[in-house]
Amino acid sequence: DYRKEQNFTSWLRNLSKERIDLLVVYQMHESELFPVEDKWARERPDTFRLIFENSRARIYSLVKS
């Protein structure tokens, strides 16, 4: 479980394996925080490009290497 272990590499491998091109992250249940996937995407602009953002949701495209 990549979330429990906070394992970015495993998560990115799963995205690639499933051929996911867009990542949607959003705040749930009136939370003030975005999930860890948002942190990972923001820290890696070489891998994720922010294409939409509002106060509750963000959409990233995966940068093809």
PDB file of N, CA and C in Angstrom:
ATOM      1  N   ASP A   1       0.846  -1.181   0.000  1.00  0.00           N
ATOM      2  CA  ASP A   1       0.000   0.000   0.000  1.00  0.00           C
ATOM      3  C   ASP A   1       0.893   1.247   0.000  1.00  0.00           C
ATOM      4  N   TYR A   2       0.954   1.924  -1.113  1.00  0.00           N
ATOM      5  CA  TYR A   2       1.846   3.074  -1.255  1.00  0.00           C
ATOM      6  C   TYR A   2       1.484   4.208  -0.300  1.00  0.00           C
ATOM      7  N   ARG A   3       0.224   4.363   0.057  1.00  0.00           N
ATOM      8  CA  ARG A   3      -0.162   5.446   0.967  1.00  0.00           C
ATOM      9  C   ARG A   3       0.306   5.176   2.389  1.00  0.00           C
ATOM     10  N   LYS A   4       0.081   3.973   2.853  1.00  0.00           N
ATOM     11  CA  LYS A   4       0.476   3.621   4.216  1.00  0.00           C
ATOM     12  C   LYS A   4       1.982   3.760   4.389  1.00  0.00           C
ATOM     13  N   GLU A   5       2.715   3.300   3.406  1.00  0.00           N
ATOM     14  CA  GLU A   5       4.179   3.338   3.464  1.00  0.00           C
ATOM     15  C   GLU A   5       4.756   4.648   2.932  1.00  0.00           C
ATOM     16  N   GLN A   6       3.896   5.535   2.404  1.00  0.00           N
ATOM     17  CA  GLN A   6       4.354   6.785   1.792  1.00  0.00           C
ATOM     18  C   GLN A   6       5.429   6.499   0.738  1.00  0.00           C
ATOM     19  N   ASN A   7       5.088   5.599  -0.202  1.00  0.00           N
ATOM     20  CA  ASN A   7       6.044   5.130  -1.191  1.00  0.00           C
ATOM     21  C   ASN A   7       5.731   5.719  -2.567  1.00  0.00           C
ATOM     22  N   PHE A   8       6.410   6.817  -2.886  1.00  0.00           N
ATOM     23  CA  PHE A   8       6.206   7.489  -4.169  1.00  0.00           C
ATOM     24  C   PHE A   8       6.527   6.578  -5.343  1.00  0.00           C
ATOM     25  N   THR A   9       7.622   5.859  -5.270  1.00  0.00           N
ATOM     26  CA  THR A   9       8.059   5.004  -6.378  1.00  0.00           C
ATOM     27  C   THR A   9       7.011   3.959  -6.728  1.00  0.00           C
ATOM     28  N   SER A  10       6.433   3.346  -5.742  1.00  0.00           N
ATOM     29  CA  SER A  10       5.388   2.351  -5.975  1.00  0.00           C
ATOM     30  C   SER A  10       4.157   2.990  -6.609  1.00  0.00           C
ATOM     31  N   TRP A  11       3.789   4.152  -6.129  1.00  0.00           N
ATOM     32  CA  TRP A  11       2.633   4.860  -6.672  1.00  0.00           C
ATOM     33  C   TRP A  11       2.866   5.234  -8.133  1.00  0.00           C
ATOM     34  N   LEU A  12       4.027   5.790  -8.439  1.00  0.00           N
ATOM     35  CA  LEU A  12       4.332   6.179  -9.815  1.00  0.00           C
ATOM     36  C   LEU A  12       4.365   4.957 -10.730  1.00  0.00           C
ATOM     37  N   ARG A  13       4.901   3.870 -10.251  1.00  0.00           N
ATOM     38  CA  ARG A  13       4.917   2.623 -11.025  1.00  0.00           C
ATOM     39  C   ARG A  13       3.483   2.173 -11.339  1.00  0.00           C
ATOM     40  N   ASN A  14       2.593   2.281 -10.365  1.00  0.00           N
ATOM     41  CA  ASN A  14       1.189   1.918 -10.594  1.00  0.00           C
ATOM     42  C   ASN A  14       0.538   2.821 -11.634  1.00  0.00           C
ATOM     43  N   LEU A  15       0.827   4.109 -11.588  1.00  0.00           N
ATOM     44  CA  LEU A  15       0.272   5.024 -12.589  1.00  0.00           C
ATOM     45  C   LEU A  15       0.729   4.621 -13.988  1.00  0.00           C
ATOM     46  N   SER A  16       1.996   4.328 -14.120  1.00  0.00           N
ATOM     47  CA  SER A  16       2.548   3.924 -15.409  1.00  0.00           C
ATOM     48  C   SER A  16       1.946   2.606 -15.885  1.00  0.00           C
ATOM     49  N   LYS A  17       1.878   1.653 -14.994  1.00  0.00           N
ATOM     50  CA  LYS A  17       1.341   0.339 -15.323  1.00  0.00           C
ATOM     51  C   LYS A  17      -0.101   0.430 -15.817  1.00  0.00           C
ATOM     52  N   GLU A  18      -0.881   1.322 -15.207  1.00  0.00           N
ATOM     53  CA  GLU A  18      -2.285   1.486 -15.576  1.00  0.00           C
ATOM     54  C   GLU A  18      -2.482   2.497 -16.706  1.00  0.00           C
ATOM     55  N   ARG A  19      -1.377   3.041 -17.222  1.00  0.00           N
ATOM     56  CA  ARG A  19      -1.400   4.013 -18.326  1.00  0.00           C
ATOM     57  C   ARG A  19      -2.254   5.240 -18.000  1.00  0.00           C
ATOM     58  N   ILE A  20      -2.081   5.742 -16.806  1.00  0.00           N
ATOM     59  CA  ILE A  20      -2.822   6.919 -16.364  1.00  0.00           C
ATOM     60  C   ILE A  20      -2.089   8.171 -16.835  1.00  0.00           C
ATOM     61  N   ASP A  21      -2.820   9.064 -17.501  1.00  0.00           N
ATOM     62  CA  ASP A  21      -2.247  10.293 -18.035  1.00  0.00           C
ATOM     63  C   ASP A  21      -2.611  11.521 -17.219  1.00  0.00           C
ATOM     64  N   LEU A  22      -3.749  11.462 -16.518  1.00  0.00           N
ATOM     65  CA  LEU A  22      -4.217  12.588 -15.718  1.00  0.00           C
ATOM     66  C   LEU A  22      -4.400  12.170 -14.275  1.00  0.00           C
ATOM     67  N   LEU A  23      -4.024  13.051 -13.391  1.00  0.00           N
ATOM     68  CA  LEU A  23      -4.160  12.811 -11.961  1.00  0.00           C
ATOM     69  C   LEU A  23      -5.075  13.886 -11.395  1.00  0.00           C
ATOM     70  N   VAL A  24      -6.155  13.461 -10.760  1.00  0.00           N
ATOM     71  CA  VAL A  24      -7.092  14.386 -10.110  1.00  0.00           C
ATOM     72  C   VAL A  24      -6.970  14.181  -8.604  1.00  0.00           C
ATOM     73  N   VAL A  25      -6.666  15.247  -7.884  1.00  0.00           N
ATOM     74  CA  VAL A  25      -6.615  15.180  -6.423  1.00  0.00           C
ATOM     75  C   VAL A  25      -7.564  16.236  -5.872  1.00  0.00           C
ATOM     76  N   TYR A  26      -8.214  15.912  -4.781  1.00  0.00           N
ATOM     77  CA  TYR A  26      -9.180  16.851  -4.207  1.00  0.00           C
ATOM     78  C   TYR A  26      -9.282  16.650  -2.708  1.00  0.00           C
ATOM     79  N   GLN A  27      -9.754  17.688  -2.059  1.00  0.00           N
ATOM     80  CA  GLN A  27      -9.971  17.639  -0.620  1.00  0.00           C
ATOM     81  C   GLN A  27     -11.294  16.936  -0.363  1.00  0.00           C
ATOM     82  N   MET A  28     -11.280  16.042   0.597  1.00  0.00           N
ATOM     83  CA  MET A  28     -12.490  15.288   0.915  1.00  0.00           C
ATOM     84  C   MET A  28     -13.060  15.719   2.257  1.00  0.00           C
ATOM     85  N   HIS A  29     -14.374  15.670   2.356  1.00  0.00           N
ATOM     86  CA  HIS A  29     -15.071  15.846   3.631  1.00  0.00           C
ATOM     87  C   HIS A  29     -14.655  17.110   4.368  1.00  0.00           C
ATOM     88  N   GLU A  30     -14.602  18.208   3.640  1.00  0.00           N
ATOM     89  CA  GLU A  30     -14.286  19.502   4.248  1.00  0.00           C
ATOM     90  C   GLU A  30     -12.901  19.548   4.896  1.00  0.00           C
ATOM     91  N   SER A  31     -12.025  18.682   4.465  1.00  0.00           N
ATOM     92  CA  SER A  31     -10.660  18.673   4.987  1.00  0.00           C
ATOM     93  C   SER A  31      -9.915  19.906   4.510  1.00  0.00           C
ATOM     94  N   GLU A  32      -9.000  20.357   5.301  1.00  0.00           N
ATOM     95  CA  GLU A  32      -8.142  21.477   4.922  1.00  0.00           C
ATOM     96  C   GLU A  32      -6.966  21.007   4.078  1.00  0.00           C
ATOM     97  N   LEU A  33      -6.735  19.704   4.049  1.00  0.00           N
ATOM     98  CA  LEU A  33      -5.543  19.158   3.422  1.00  0.00           C
ATOM     99  C   LEU A  33      -5.846  18.392   2.142  1.00  0.00           C
ATOM    100  N   PHE A  34      -4.903  18.457   1.222  1.00  0.00           N
ATOM    101  CA  PHE A  34      -4.945  17.606   0.044  1.00  0.00           C
ATOM    102  C   PHE A  34      -4.236  16.302   0.395  1.00  0.00           C
ATOM    103  N   PRO A  35      -4.543  15.232  -0.310  1.00  0.00           N
ATOM    104  CA  PRO A  35      -3.871  13.957  -0.035  1.00  0.00           C
ATOM    105  C   PRO A  35      -2.391  13.999  -0.432  1.00  0.00           C
ATOM    106  N   VAL A  36      -1.658  13.000   0.013  1.00  0.00           N
ATOM    107  CA  VAL A  36      -0.218  12.936  -0.207  1.00  0.00           C
ATOM    108  C   VAL A  36       0.139  12.963  -1.698  1.00  0.00           C
ATOM    109  N   GLU A  37      -0.725  12.465  -2.549  1.00  0.00           N
ATOM    110  CA  GLU A  37      -0.451  12.471  -3.988  1.00  0.00           C
ATOM    111  C   GLU A  37      -0.245  13.890  -4.517  1.00  0.00           C
ATOM    112  N   ASP A  38      -0.956  14.852  -3.951  1.00  0.00           N
ATOM    113  CA  ASP A  38      -0.769  16.242  -4.363  1.00  0.00           C
ATOM    114  C   ASP A  38       0.624  16.737  -3.986  1.00  0.00           C
ATOM    115  N   LYS A  39       1.054  16.419  -2.798  1.00  0.00           N
ATOM    116  CA  LYS A  39       2.406  16.794  -2.354  1.00  0.00           C
ATOM    117  C   LYS A  39       3.447  16.217  -3.296  1.00  0.00           C
ATOM    118  N   TRP A  40       3.306  14.940  -3.599  1.00  0.00           N
ATOM    119  CA  TRP A  40       4.271  14.294  -4.495  1.00  0.00           C
ATOM    120  C   TRP A  40       4.284  14.955  -5.871  1.00  0.00           C
ATOM    121  N   ALA A  41       3.114  15.246  -6.409  1.00  0.00           N
ATOM    122  CA  ALA A  41       3.040  15.859  -7.739  1.00  0.00           C
ATOM    123  C   ALA A  41       3.642  17.262  -7.720  1.00  0.00           C
ATOM    124  N   ARG A  42       3.355  18.041  -6.703  1.00  0.00           N
ATOM    125  CA  ARG A  42       3.908  19.399  -6.608  1.00  0.00           C
ATOM    126  C   ARG A  42       5.427  19.397  -6.468  1.00  0.00           C
ATOM    127  N   GLU A  43       5.963  18.395  -5.817  1.00  0.00           N
ATOM    128  CA  GLU A  43       7.415  18.316  -5.613  1.00  0.00           C
ATOM    129  C   GLU A  43       8.167  17.868  -6.861  1.00  0.00           C
ATOM    130  N   ARG A  44       7.436  17.411  -7.874  1.00  0.00           N
ATOM    131  CA  ARG A  44       8.095  16.831  -9.054  1.00  0.00           C
ATOM    132  C   ARG A  44       7.550  17.410 -10.363  1.00  0.00           C
ATOM    133  N   PRO A  45       7.838  18.695 -10.627  1.00  0.00           N
ATOM    134  CA  PRO A  45       7.334  19.307 -11.859  1.00  0.00           C
ATOM    135  C   PRO A  45       7.913  18.683 -13.128  1.00  0.00           C
ATOM    136  N   ASP A  46       8.985  17.915 -12.999  1.00  0.00           N
ATOM    137  CA  ASP A  46       9.537  17.214 -14.164  1.00  0.00           C
ATOM    138  C   ASP A  46       8.688  15.992 -14.519  1.00  0.00           C
ATOM    139  N   THR A  47       7.825  15.560 -13.612  1.00  0.00           N
ATOM    140  CA  THR A  47       6.988  14.389 -13.829  1.00  0.00           C
ATOM    141  C   THR A  47       5.505  14.743 -13.943  1.00  0.00           C
ATOM    142  N   PHE A  48       5.084  15.801 -13.235  1.00  0.00           N
ATOM    143  CA  PHE A  48       3.677  16.205 -13.209  1.00  0.00           C
ATOM    144  C   PHE A  48       3.547  17.683 -13.543  1.00  0.00           C
ATOM    145  N   ARG A  49       2.614  18.001 -14.440  1.00  0.00           N
ATOM    146  CA  ARG A  49       2.359  19.397 -14.807  1.00  0.00           C
ATOM    147  C   ARG A  49       0.956  19.763 -14.360  1.00  0.00           C
ATOM    148  N   LEU A  50       0.835  20.798 -13.526  1.00  0.00           N
ATOM    149  CA  LEU A  50      -0.464  21.266 -13.055  1.00  0.00           C
ATOM    150  C   LEU A  50      -1.206  21.894 -14.224  1.00  0.00           C
ATOM    151  N   ILE A  51      -2.404  21.388 -14.531  1.00  0.00           N
ATOM    152  CA  ILE A  51      -3.168  21.933 -15.658  1.00  0.00           C
ATOM    153  C   ILE A  51      -4.477  22.579 -15.222  1.00  0.00           C
ATOM    154  N   PHE A  52      -4.902  22.320 -13.976  1.00  0.00           N
ATOM    155  CA  PHE A  52      -6.108  22.960 -13.442  1.00  0.00           C
ATOM    156  C   PHE A  52      -5.989  23.005 -11.928  1.00  0.00           C
ATOM    157  N   GLU A  53      -6.508  24.097 -11.361  1.00  0.00           N
ATOM    158  CA  GLU A  53      -6.476  24.218  -9.906  1.00  0.00           C
ATOM    159  C   GLU A  53      -7.595  25.143  -9.449  1.00  0.00           C
ATOM    160  N   ASN A  54      -8.285  24.732  -8.394  1.00  0.00           N
ATOM    161  CA  ASN A  54      -9.155  25.642  -7.661  1.00  0.00           C
ATOM    162  C   ASN A  54      -8.954  25.351  -6.182  1.00  0.00           C
ATOM    163  N   SER A  55      -9.790  25.883  -5.335  1.00  0.00           N
ATOM    164  CA  SER A  55      -9.553  25.740  -3.901  1.00  0.00           C
ATOM    165  C   SER A  55      -9.765  24.322  -3.386  1.00  0.00           C
ATOM    166  N   ARG A  56     -10.441  23.469  -4.147  1.00  0.00           N
ATOM    167  CA  ARG A  56     -10.755  22.117  -3.677  1.00  0.00           C
ATOM    168  C   ARG A  56     -10.180  20.994  -4.527  1.00  0.00           C
ATOM    169  N   ALA A  57      -9.713  21.311  -5.728  1.00  0.00           N
ATOM    170  CA  ALA A  57      -9.245  20.245  -6.622  1.00  0.00           C
ATOM    171  C   ALA A  57      -8.067  20.724  -7.463  1.00  0.00           C
ATOM    172  N   ARG A  58      -7.244  19.757  -7.849  1.00  0.00           N
ATOM    173  CA  ARG A  58      -6.123  20.021  -8.755  1.00  0.00           C
ATOM    174  C   ARG A  58      -6.035  18.870  -9.743  1.00  0.00           C
ATOM    175  N   ILE A  59      -5.707  19.212 -10.987  1.00  0.00           N
ATOM    176  CA  ILE A  59      -5.525  18.189 -12.016  1.00  0.00           C
ATOM    177  C   ILE A  59      -4.114  18.363 -12.571  1.00  0.00           C
ATOM    178  N   TYR A  60      -3.423  17.245 -12.647  1.00  0.00           N
ATOM    179  CA  TYR A  60      -2.066  17.207 -13.188  1.00  0.00           C
ATOM    180  C   TYR A  60      -2.040  16.280 -14.398  1.00  0.00           C
ATOM    181  N   SER A  61      -1.222  16.629 -15.376  1.00  0.00           N
ATOM    182  CA  SER A  61      -0.942  15.676 -16.452  1.00  0.00           C
ATOM    183  C   SER A  61       0.432  15.096 -16.183  1.00  0.00           C
ATOM    184  N   LEU A  62       0.590  13.851 -16.546  1.00  0.00           N
ATOM    185  CA  LEU A  62       1.899  13.224 -16.401  1.00  0.00           C
ATOM    186  C   LEU A  62       2.755  13.601 -17.595  1.00  0.00           C
ATOM    187  N   VAL A  63       3.950  14.048 -17.318  1.00  0.00           N
ATOM    188  CA  VAL A  63       4.888  14.443 -18.370  1.00  0.00           C
ATOM    189  C   VAL A  63       5.500  13.182 -18.937  1.00  0.00           C
ATOM    190  N   LYS A  64       5.395  13.037 -20.240  1.00  0.00           N
ATOM    191  CA  LYS A  64       5.971  11.863 -20.905  1.00  0.00           C
ATOM    192  C   LYS A  64       7.470  12.036 -21.039  1.00  0.00           C
ATOM    193  N   SER A  65       8.201  11.002 -20.694  1.00  0.00           N
ATOM    194  CA  SER A  65       9.672  11.088 -20.805  1.00  0.00           C
ATOM    195  C   SER A  65      10.163  10.485 -22.088  1.00  0.00           C
TER     196      SER A  65
END
